Amino acid sequence: LKPSALHNNCSGKHAGFVCLAIATGHDPKGYI
């Protein structure tokens, strides 16, 4: 197998950003 974005050491932080975007009514696309 090859690594995915989940293996990135920052995936938890980014998952948190996605949760924040959705909870505040924003499309997470382009959150970076």
Full PDB file with SEQRES, HELIX, SHEET, SSBOND, CRYST1, ORIGX, SCALE, CONECT and MASTER records, all heavy atoms in Angstrom:
SEQRES   1 A   32  LEU LYS PRO SER ALA LEU HIS ASN ASN CYS SER GLY LYS          
SEQRES   2 A   32  HIS ALA GLY PHE VAL CYS LEU ALA ILE ALA THR GLY HIS          
SEQRES   3 A   32  ASP PRO LYS GLY TYR ILE                                      
HELIX    1 AA1 ALA A    5  HIS A    7  5                                   3    
HELIX    2 AA2 SER A   11  ALA A   23  1                                  13    
CRYST1    1.000    1.000    1.000  90.00  90.00  90.00 P 1           1          
ORIGX1      1.000000  0.000000  0.000000        0.00000                         
ORIGX2      0.000000  1.000000  0.000000        0.00000                         
ORIGX3      0.000000  0.000000  1.000000        0.00000                         
SCALE1      1.000000  0.000000  0.000000        0.00000                         
SCALE2      0.000000  1.000000  0.000000        0.00000                         
SCALE3      0.000000  0.000000  1.000000        0.00000                         
ATOM      1  N   LEU A   1       0.822  -1.205   0.000  1.00  0.00           N  
ATOM      2  CA  LEU A   1       0.000   0.000   0.000  1.00  0.00           C  
ATOM      3  C   LEU A   1       0.861   1.262   0.000  1.00  0.00           C  
ATOM      4  O   LEU A   1       2.045   1.221   0.357  1.00  0.00           O  
ATOM      5  CB  LEU A   1      -0.900   0.010   1.235  1.00  0.00           C  
ATOM      6  CG  LEU A   1      -1.869  -1.156   1.379  1.00  0.00           C  
ATOM      7  CD1 LEU A   1      -2.608  -1.066   2.711  1.00  0.00           C  
ATOM      8  CD2 LEU A   1      -2.856  -1.175   0.212  1.00  0.00           C  
ATOM      9  N   LYS A   2       0.257   2.369  -0.358  1.00  0.00           N  
ATOM     10  CA  LYS A   2       0.907   3.666  -0.283  1.00  0.00           C  
ATOM     11  C   LYS A   2       0.242   4.490   0.814  1.00  0.00           C  
ATOM     12  O   LYS A   2      -0.927   4.269   1.143  1.00  0.00           O  
ATOM     13  CB  LYS A   2       0.811   4.388  -1.623  1.00  0.00           C  
ATOM     14  CG  LYS A   2       1.632   3.748  -2.726  1.00  0.00           C  
ATOM     15  CD  LYS A   2       1.575   4.580  -4.002  1.00  0.00           C  
ATOM     16  CE  LYS A   2       2.455   3.963  -5.089  1.00  0.00           C  
ATOM     17  NZ  LYS A   2       2.424   4.781  -6.347  1.00  0.00           N  
ATOM     18  N   PRO A   3       0.959   5.434   1.389  1.00  0.00           N  
ATOM     19  CA  PRO A   3       0.350   6.251   2.448  1.00  0.00           C  
ATOM     20  C   PRO A   3      -0.726   7.164   1.894  1.00  0.00           C  
ATOM     21  O   PRO A   3      -0.697   7.546   0.712  1.00  0.00           O  
ATOM     22  CB  PRO A   3       1.536   7.059   2.985  1.00  0.00           C  
ATOM     23  CG  PRO A   3       2.484   7.139   1.829  1.00  0.00           C  
ATOM     24  CD  PRO A   3       2.354   5.827   1.115  1.00  0.00           C  
ATOM     25  N   SER A   4      -1.668   7.500   2.742  1.00  0.00           N  
ATOM     26  CA  SER A   4      -2.723   8.448   2.387  1.00  0.00           C  
ATOM     27  C   SER A   4      -2.540   9.707   3.220  1.00  0.00           C  
ATOM     28  O   SER A   4      -1.643   9.801   4.070  1.00  0.00           O  
ATOM     29  CB  SER A   4      -4.096   7.841   2.663  1.00  0.00           C  
ATOM     30  OG  SER A   4      -4.350   7.813   4.063  1.00  0.00           O  
ATOM     31  N   ALA A   5      -3.425  10.664   3.020  1.00  0.00           N  
ATOM     32  CA  ALA A   5      -3.376  11.893   3.812  1.00  0.00           C  
ATOM     33  C   ALA A   5      -3.590  11.608   5.295  1.00  0.00           C  
ATOM     34  O   ALA A   5      -3.153  12.384   6.146  1.00  0.00           O  
ATOM     35  CB  ALA A   5      -4.425  12.882   3.305  1.00  0.00           C  
ATOM     36  N   LEU A   6      -4.233  10.486   5.615  1.00  0.00           N  
ATOM     37  CA  LEU A   6      -4.426  10.132   7.029  1.00  0.00           C  
ATOM     38  C   LEU A   6      -3.097   9.863   7.723  1.00  0.00           C  
ATOM     39  O   LEU A   6      -2.988  10.019   8.947  1.00  0.00           O  
ATOM     40  CB  LEU A   6      -5.328   8.902   7.162  1.00  0.00           C  
ATOM     41  CG  LEU A   6      -6.779   9.075   6.723  1.00  0.00           C  
ATOM     42  CD1 LEU A   6      -7.504   7.738   6.743  1.00  0.00           C  
ATOM     43  CD2 LEU A   6      -7.502  10.091   7.595  1.00  0.00           C  
ATOM     44  N   HIS A   7      -2.076   9.439   6.957  1.00  0.00           N  
ATOM     45  CA  HIS A   7      -0.767   9.167   7.543  1.00  0.00           C  
ATOM     46  C   HIS A   7       0.050  10.433   7.769  1.00  0.00           C  
ATOM     47  O   HIS A   7       1.061  10.400   8.479  1.00  0.00           O  
ATOM     48  CB  HIS A   7       0.032   8.208   6.655  1.00  0.00           C  
ATOM     49  CG  HIS A   7      -0.552   6.833   6.572  1.00  0.00           C  
ATOM     50  ND1 HIS A   7      -1.425   6.461   5.576  1.00  0.00           N  
ATOM     51  CD2 HIS A   7      -0.394   5.753   7.376  1.00  0.00           C  
ATOM     52  CE1 HIS A   7      -1.781   5.194   5.761  1.00  0.00           C  
ATOM     53  NE2 HIS A   7      -1.180   4.743   6.837  1.00  0.00           N  
ATOM     54  N   ASN A   8      -0.361  11.528   7.141  1.00  0.00           N  
ATOM     55  CA  ASN A   8       0.346  12.788   7.346  1.00  0.00           C  
ATOM     56  C   ASN A   8       0.337  13.131   8.824  1.00  0.00           C  
ATOM     57  O   ASN A   8      -0.688  13.006   9.495  1.00  0.00           O  
ATOM     58  CB  ASN A   8      -0.344  13.901   6.542  1.00  0.00           C  
ATOM     59  CG  ASN A   8       0.433  15.210   6.550  1.00  0.00           C  
ATOM     60  OD1 ASN A   8       0.648  15.811   7.593  1.00  0.00           O  
ATOM     61  ND2 ASN A   8       0.829  15.650   5.372  1.00  0.00           N  
ATOM     62  N   ASN A   9       1.474  13.588   9.342  1.00  0.00           N  
ATOM     63  CA  ASN A   9       1.563  13.853  10.782  1.00  0.00           C  
ATOM     64  C   ASN A   9       0.593  14.949  11.226  1.00  0.00           C  
ATOM     65  O   ASN A   9       0.302  15.070  12.411  1.00  0.00           O  
ATOM     66  CB  ASN A   9       3.003  14.206  11.168  1.00  0.00           C  
ATOM     67  CG  ASN A   9       3.424  15.585  10.721  1.00  0.00           C  
ATOM     68  OD1 ASN A   9       3.396  16.541  11.487  1.00  0.00           O  
ATOM     69  ND2 ASN A   9       3.835  15.706   9.468  1.00  0.00           N  
ATOM     70  N   CYS A  10       0.088  15.744  10.287  1.00  0.00           N  
ATOM     71  CA  CYS A  10      -0.849  16.822  10.606  1.00  0.00           C  
ATOM     72  C   CYS A  10      -2.304  16.466  10.297  1.00  0.00           C  
ATOM     73  O   CYS A  10      -3.173  17.351  10.306  1.00  0.00           O  
ATOM     74  CB  CYS A  10      -0.478  18.084   9.836  1.00  0.00           C  
ATOM     75  SG  CYS A  10       1.123  18.781  10.281  1.00  0.00           S  
ATOM     76  N   SER A  11      -2.603  15.202  10.006  1.00  0.00           N  
ATOM     77  CA  SER A  11      -3.965  14.861   9.590  1.00  0.00           C  
ATOM     78  C   SER A  11      -4.998  15.146  10.668  1.00  0.00           C  
ATOM     79  O   SER A  11      -6.148  15.485  10.360  1.00  0.00           O  
ATOM     80  CB  SER A  11      -4.049  13.399   9.143  1.00  0.00           C  
ATOM     81  OG  SER A  11      -3.840  12.505  10.232  1.00  0.00           O  
ATOM     82  N   GLY A  12      -4.632  15.021  11.930  1.00  0.00           N  
ATOM     83  CA  GLY A  12      -5.577  15.322  13.002  1.00  0.00           C  
ATOM     84  C   GLY A  12      -5.921  16.795  13.060  1.00  0.00           C  
ATOM     85  O   GLY A  12      -7.086  17.174  13.246  1.00  0.00           O  
ATOM     86  N   LYS A  13      -4.907  17.638  12.906  1.00  0.00           N  
ATOM     87  CA  LYS A  13      -5.150  19.078  12.869  1.00  0.00           C  
ATOM     88  C   LYS A  13      -6.057  19.429  11.699  1.00  0.00           C  
ATOM     89  O   LYS A  13      -7.022  20.200  11.849  1.00  0.00           O  
ATOM     90  CB  LYS A  13      -3.827  19.827  12.743  1.00  0.00           C  
ATOM     91  CG  LYS A  13      -3.965  21.334  12.601  1.00  0.00           C  
ATOM     92  CD  LYS A  13      -2.612  22.020  12.483  1.00  0.00           C  
ATOM     93  CE  LYS A  13      -1.963  21.758  11.126  1.00  0.00           C  
ATOM     94  NZ  LYS A  13      -0.694  22.532  10.973  1.00  0.00           N  
ATOM     95  N   HIS A  14      -5.774  18.854  10.537  1.00  0.00           N  
ATOM     96  CA  HIS A  14      -6.577  19.145   9.354  1.00  0.00           C  
ATOM     97  C   HIS A  14      -7.990  18.586   9.482  1.00  0.00           C  
ATOM     98  O   HIS A  14      -8.951  19.222   9.028  1.00  0.00           O  
ATOM     99  CB  HIS A  14      -5.890  18.598   8.103  1.00  0.00           C  
ATOM    100  CG  HIS A  14      -4.760  19.471   7.640  1.00  0.00           C  
ATOM    101  ND1 HIS A  14      -4.799  20.177   6.462  1.00  0.00           N  
ATOM    102  CD2 HIS A  14      -3.564  19.761   8.214  1.00  0.00           C  
ATOM    103  CE1 HIS A  14      -3.671  20.856   6.321  1.00  0.00           C  
ATOM    104  NE2 HIS A  14      -2.904  20.613   7.369  1.00  0.00           N  
ATOM    105  N   ALA A  15      -8.133  17.418  10.095  1.00  0.00           N  
ATOM    106  CA  ALA A  15      -9.479  16.896  10.343  1.00  0.00           C  
ATOM    107  C   ALA A  15     -10.249  17.842  11.248  1.00  0.00           C  
ATOM    108  O   ALA A  15     -11.454  18.053  11.072  1.00  0.00           O  
ATOM    109  CB  ALA A  15      -9.398  15.503  10.955  1.00  0.00           C  
ATOM    110  N   GLY A  16      -9.549  18.429  12.213  1.00  0.00           N  
ATOM    111  CA  GLY A  16     -10.183  19.435  13.068  1.00  0.00           C  
ATOM    112  C   GLY A  16     -10.622  20.655  12.284  1.00  0.00           C  
ATOM    113  O   GLY A  16     -11.700  21.216  12.528  1.00  0.00           O  
ATOM    114  N   PHE A  17      -9.793  21.084  11.320  1.00  0.00           N  
ATOM    115  CA  PHE A  17     -10.178  22.221  10.481  1.00  0.00           C  
ATOM    116  C   PHE A  17     -11.444  21.908   9.676  1.00  0.00           C  
ATOM    117  O   PHE A  17     -12.317  22.770   9.517  1.00  0.00           O  
ATOM    118  CB  PHE A  17      -9.044  22.574   9.516  1.00  0.00           C  
ATOM    119  CG  PHE A  17      -7.798  23.116  10.163  1.00  0.00           C  
ATOM    120  CD1 PHE A  17      -6.611  23.162   9.455  1.00  0.00           C  
ATOM    121  CD2 PHE A  17      -7.800  23.600  11.461  1.00  0.00           C  
ATOM    122  CE1 PHE A  17      -5.451  23.668  10.026  1.00  0.00           C  
ATOM    123  CE2 PHE A  17      -6.640  24.107  12.057  1.00  0.00           C  
ATOM    124  CZ  PHE A  17      -5.463  24.139  11.326  1.00  0.00           C  
ATOM    125  N   VAL A  18     -11.520  20.685   9.165  1.00  0.00           N  
ATOM    126  CA  VAL A  18     -12.707  20.282   8.394  1.00  0.00           C  
ATOM    127  C   VAL A  18     -13.943  20.296   9.297  1.00  0.00           C  
ATOM    128  O   VAL A  18     -15.012  20.805   8.908  1.00  0.00           O  
ATOM    129  CB  VAL A  18     -12.494  18.894   7.761  1.00  0.00           C  
ATOM    130  CG1 VAL A  18     -13.795  18.371   7.146  1.00  0.00           C  
ATOM    131  CG2 VAL A  18     -11.394  18.948   6.708  1.00  0.00           C  
ATOM    132  N   CYS A  19     -13.809  19.757  10.493  1.00  0.00           N  
ATOM    133  CA  CYS A  19     -14.931  19.776  11.442  1.00  0.00           C  
ATOM    134  C   CYS A  19     -15.355  21.212  11.744  1.00  0.00           C  
ATOM    135  O   CYS A  19     -16.557  21.517  11.808  1.00  0.00           O  
ATOM    136  CB  CYS A  19     -14.538  19.067  12.740  1.00  0.00           C  
ATOM    137  SG  CYS A  19     -14.372  17.272  12.607  1.00  0.00           S  
ATOM    138  N   LEU A  20     -14.386  22.090  11.947  1.00  0.00           N  
ATOM    139  CA  LEU A  20     -14.678  23.492  12.247  1.00  0.00           C  
ATOM    140  C   LEU A  20     -15.409  24.148  11.085  1.00  0.00           C  
ATOM    141  O   LEU A  20     -16.402  24.873  11.286  1.00  0.00           O  
ATOM    142  CB  LEU A  20     -13.378  24.235  12.550  1.00  0.00           C  
ATOM    143  CG  LEU A  20     -13.476  25.754  12.735  1.00  0.00           C  
ATOM    144  CD1 LEU A  20     -14.392  26.104  13.912  1.00  0.00           C  
ATOM    145  CD2 LEU A  20     -12.087  26.357  12.945  1.00  0.00           C  
ATOM    146  N   ALA A  21     -14.927  23.911   9.864  1.00  0.00           N  
ATOM    147  CA  ALA A  21     -15.556  24.520   8.687  1.00  0.00           C  
ATOM    148  C   ALA A  21     -17.022  24.099   8.577  1.00  0.00           C  
ATOM    149  O   ALA A  21     -17.918  24.940   8.390  1.00  0.00           O  
ATOM    150  CB  ALA A  21     -14.792  24.125   7.425  1.00  0.00           C  
ATOM    151  N   ILE A  22     -17.281  22.811   8.711  1.00  0.00           N  
ATOM    152  CA  ILE A  22     -18.645  22.304   8.544  1.00  0.00           C  
ATOM    153  C   ILE A  22     -19.548  22.800   9.664  1.00  0.00           C  
ATOM    154  O   ILE A  22     -20.692  23.218   9.431  1.00  0.00           O  
ATOM    155  CB  ILE A  22     -18.630  20.766   8.468  1.00  0.00           C  
ATOM    156  CG1 ILE A  22     -17.935  20.327   7.179  1.00  0.00           C  
ATOM    157  CG2 ILE A  22     -20.042  20.196   8.544  1.00  0.00           C  
ATOM    158  CD1 ILE A  22     -17.673  18.851   7.083  1.00  0.00           C  
ATOM    159  N   ALA A  23     -19.036  22.803  10.897  1.00  0.00           N  
ATOM    160  CA  ALA A  23     -19.849  23.239  12.036  1.00  0.00           C  
ATOM    161  C   ALA A  23     -20.211  24.714  11.949  1.00  0.00           C  
ATOM    162  O   ALA A  23     -21.241  25.141  12.491  1.00  0.00           O  
ATOM    163  CB  ALA A  23     -19.109  22.959  13.342  1.00  0.00           C  
ATOM    164  N   THR A  24     -19.380  25.510  11.258  1.00  0.00           N  
ATOM    165  CA  THR A  24     -19.644  26.944  11.143  1.00  0.00           C  
ATOM    166  C   THR A  24     -20.279  27.304   9.805  1.00  0.00           C  
ATOM    167  O   THR A  24     -20.358  28.482   9.441  1.00  0.00           O  
ATOM    168  CB  THR A  24     -18.351  27.745  11.342  1.00  0.00           C  
ATOM    169  OG1 THR A  24     -17.326  27.256  10.465  1.00  0.00           O  
ATOM    170  CG2 THR A  24     -17.866  27.632  12.779  1.00  0.00           C  
ATOM    171  N   GLY A  25     -20.720  26.282   9.063  1.00  0.00           N  
ATOM    172  CA  GLY A  25     -21.483  26.510   7.852  1.00  0.00           C  
ATOM    173  C   GLY A  25     -20.684  26.848   6.615  1.00  0.00           C  
ATOM    174  O   GLY A  25     -21.204  27.467   5.684  1.00  0.00           O  
ATOM    175  N   HIS A  26     -19.408  26.420   6.582  1.00  0.00           N  
ATOM    176  CA  HIS A  26     -18.554  26.735   5.435  1.00  0.00           C  
ATOM    177  C   HIS A  26     -18.151  25.468   4.687  1.00  0.00           C  
ATOM    178  O   HIS A  26     -17.962  24.404   5.294  1.00  0.00           O  
ATOM    179  CB  HIS A  26     -17.296  27.469   5.891  1.00  0.00           C  
ATOM    180  CG  HIS A  26     -17.561  28.776   6.556  1.00  0.00           C  
ATOM    181  ND1 HIS A  26     -18.073  29.859   5.899  1.00  0.00           N  
ATOM    182  CD2 HIS A  26     -17.385  29.168   7.852  1.00  0.00           C  
ATOM    183  CE1 HIS A  26     -18.215  30.874   6.739  1.00  0.00           C  
ATOM    184  NE2 HIS A  26     -17.801  30.475   7.931  1.00  0.00           N  
ATOM    185  N   ASP A  27     -18.032  25.588   3.390  1.00  0.00           N  
ATOM    186  CA  ASP A  27     -17.492  24.506   2.575  1.00  0.00           C  
ATOM    187  C   ASP A  27     -16.011  24.359   2.930  1.00  0.00           C  
ATOM    188  O   ASP A  27     -15.253  25.329   2.833  1.00  0.00           O  
ATOM    189  CB  ASP A  27     -17.643  24.858   1.093  1.00  0.00           C  
ATOM    190  CG  ASP A  27     -17.153  23.749   0.165  1.00  0.00           C  
ATOM    191  OD1 ASP A  27     -16.504  22.803   0.643  1.00  0.00           O  
ATOM    192  OD2 ASP A  27     -17.403  23.858  -1.056  1.00  0.00           O  
ATOM    193  N   PRO A  28     -15.576  23.177   3.356  1.00  0.00           N  
ATOM    194  CA  PRO A  28     -14.172  23.039   3.745  1.00  0.00           C  
ATOM    195  C   PRO A  28     -13.185  23.126   2.584  1.00  0.00           C  
ATOM    196  O   PRO A  28     -11.984  23.297   2.819  1.00  0.00           O  
ATOM    197  CB  PRO A  28     -14.120  21.666   4.418  1.00  0.00           C  
ATOM    198  CG  PRO A  28     -15.283  20.920   3.878  1.00  0.00           C  
ATOM    199  CD  PRO A  28     -16.343  21.938   3.611  1.00  0.00           C  
ATOM    200  N   LYS A  29     -13.644  22.999   1.371  1.00  0.00           N  
ATOM    201  CA  LYS A  29     -12.734  23.032   0.226  1.00  0.00           C  
ATOM    202  C   LYS A  29     -11.905  24.320   0.247  1.00  0.00           C  
ATOM    203  O   LYS A  29     -12.430  25.412   0.378  1.00  0.00           O  
ATOM    204  CB  LYS A  29     -13.504  22.937  -1.086  1.00  0.00           C  
ATOM    205  CG  LYS A  29     -12.598  22.849  -2.320  1.00  0.00           C  
ATOM    206  CD  LYS A  29     -13.408  22.650  -3.578  1.00  0.00           C  
ATOM    207  CE  LYS A  29     -12.519  22.634  -4.822  1.00  0.00           C  
ATOM    208  NZ  LYS A  29     -11.491  21.567  -4.764  1.00  0.00           N  
ATOM    209  N   GLY A  30     -10.589  24.144   0.145  1.00  0.00           N  
ATOM    210  CA  GLY A  30      -9.689  25.290   0.150  1.00  0.00           C  
ATOM    211  C   GLY A  30      -9.391  25.836   1.527  1.00  0.00           C  
ATOM    212  O   GLY A  30      -8.860  26.943   1.656  1.00  0.00           O  
ATOM    213  N   TYR A  31      -9.675  25.061   2.580  1.00  0.00           N  
ATOM    214  CA  TYR A  31      -9.498  25.561   3.946  1.00  0.00           C  
ATOM    215  C   TYR A  31      -8.052  25.923   4.277  1.00  0.00           C  
ATOM    216  O   TYR A  31      -7.792  26.636   5.242  1.00  0.00           O  
ATOM    217  CB  TYR A  31     -10.022  24.546   4.972  1.00  0.00           C  
ATOM    218  CG  TYR A  31      -9.237  23.254   5.040  1.00  0.00           C  
ATOM    219  CD1 TYR A  31      -8.077  23.157   5.802  1.00  0.00           C  
ATOM    220  CD2 TYR A  31      -9.651  22.118   4.336  1.00  0.00           C  
ATOM    221  CE1 TYR A  31      -7.354  21.973   5.854  1.00  0.00           C  
ATOM    222  CE2 TYR A  31      -8.940  20.947   4.387  1.00  0.00           C  
ATOM    223  CZ  TYR A  31      -7.785  20.867   5.143  1.00  0.00           C  
ATOM    224  OH  TYR A  31      -7.064  19.693   5.188  1.00  0.00           O  
ATOM    225  N   ILE A  32      -7.095  25.435   3.504  1.00  0.00           N  
ATOM    226  CA  ILE A  32      -5.687  25.745   3.790  1.00  0.00           C  
ATOM    227  C   ILE A  32      -5.293  27.146   3.329  1.00  0.00           C  
ATOM    228  O   ILE A  32      -4.212  27.639   3.688  1.00  0.00           O  
ATOM    229  CB  ILE A  32      -4.745  24.716   3.133  1.00  0.00           C  
ATOM    230  CG1 ILE A  32      -4.894  24.729   1.606  1.00  0.00           C  
ATOM    231  CG2 ILE A  32      -4.966  23.325   3.713  1.00  0.00           C  
ATOM    232  CD1 ILE A  32      -3.871  23.860   0.887  1.00  0.00           C  
TER     233      ILE A  32                                                      
MASTER        0    0    0    2    0    0    0    6  232    1    0    3          
END                                                                             
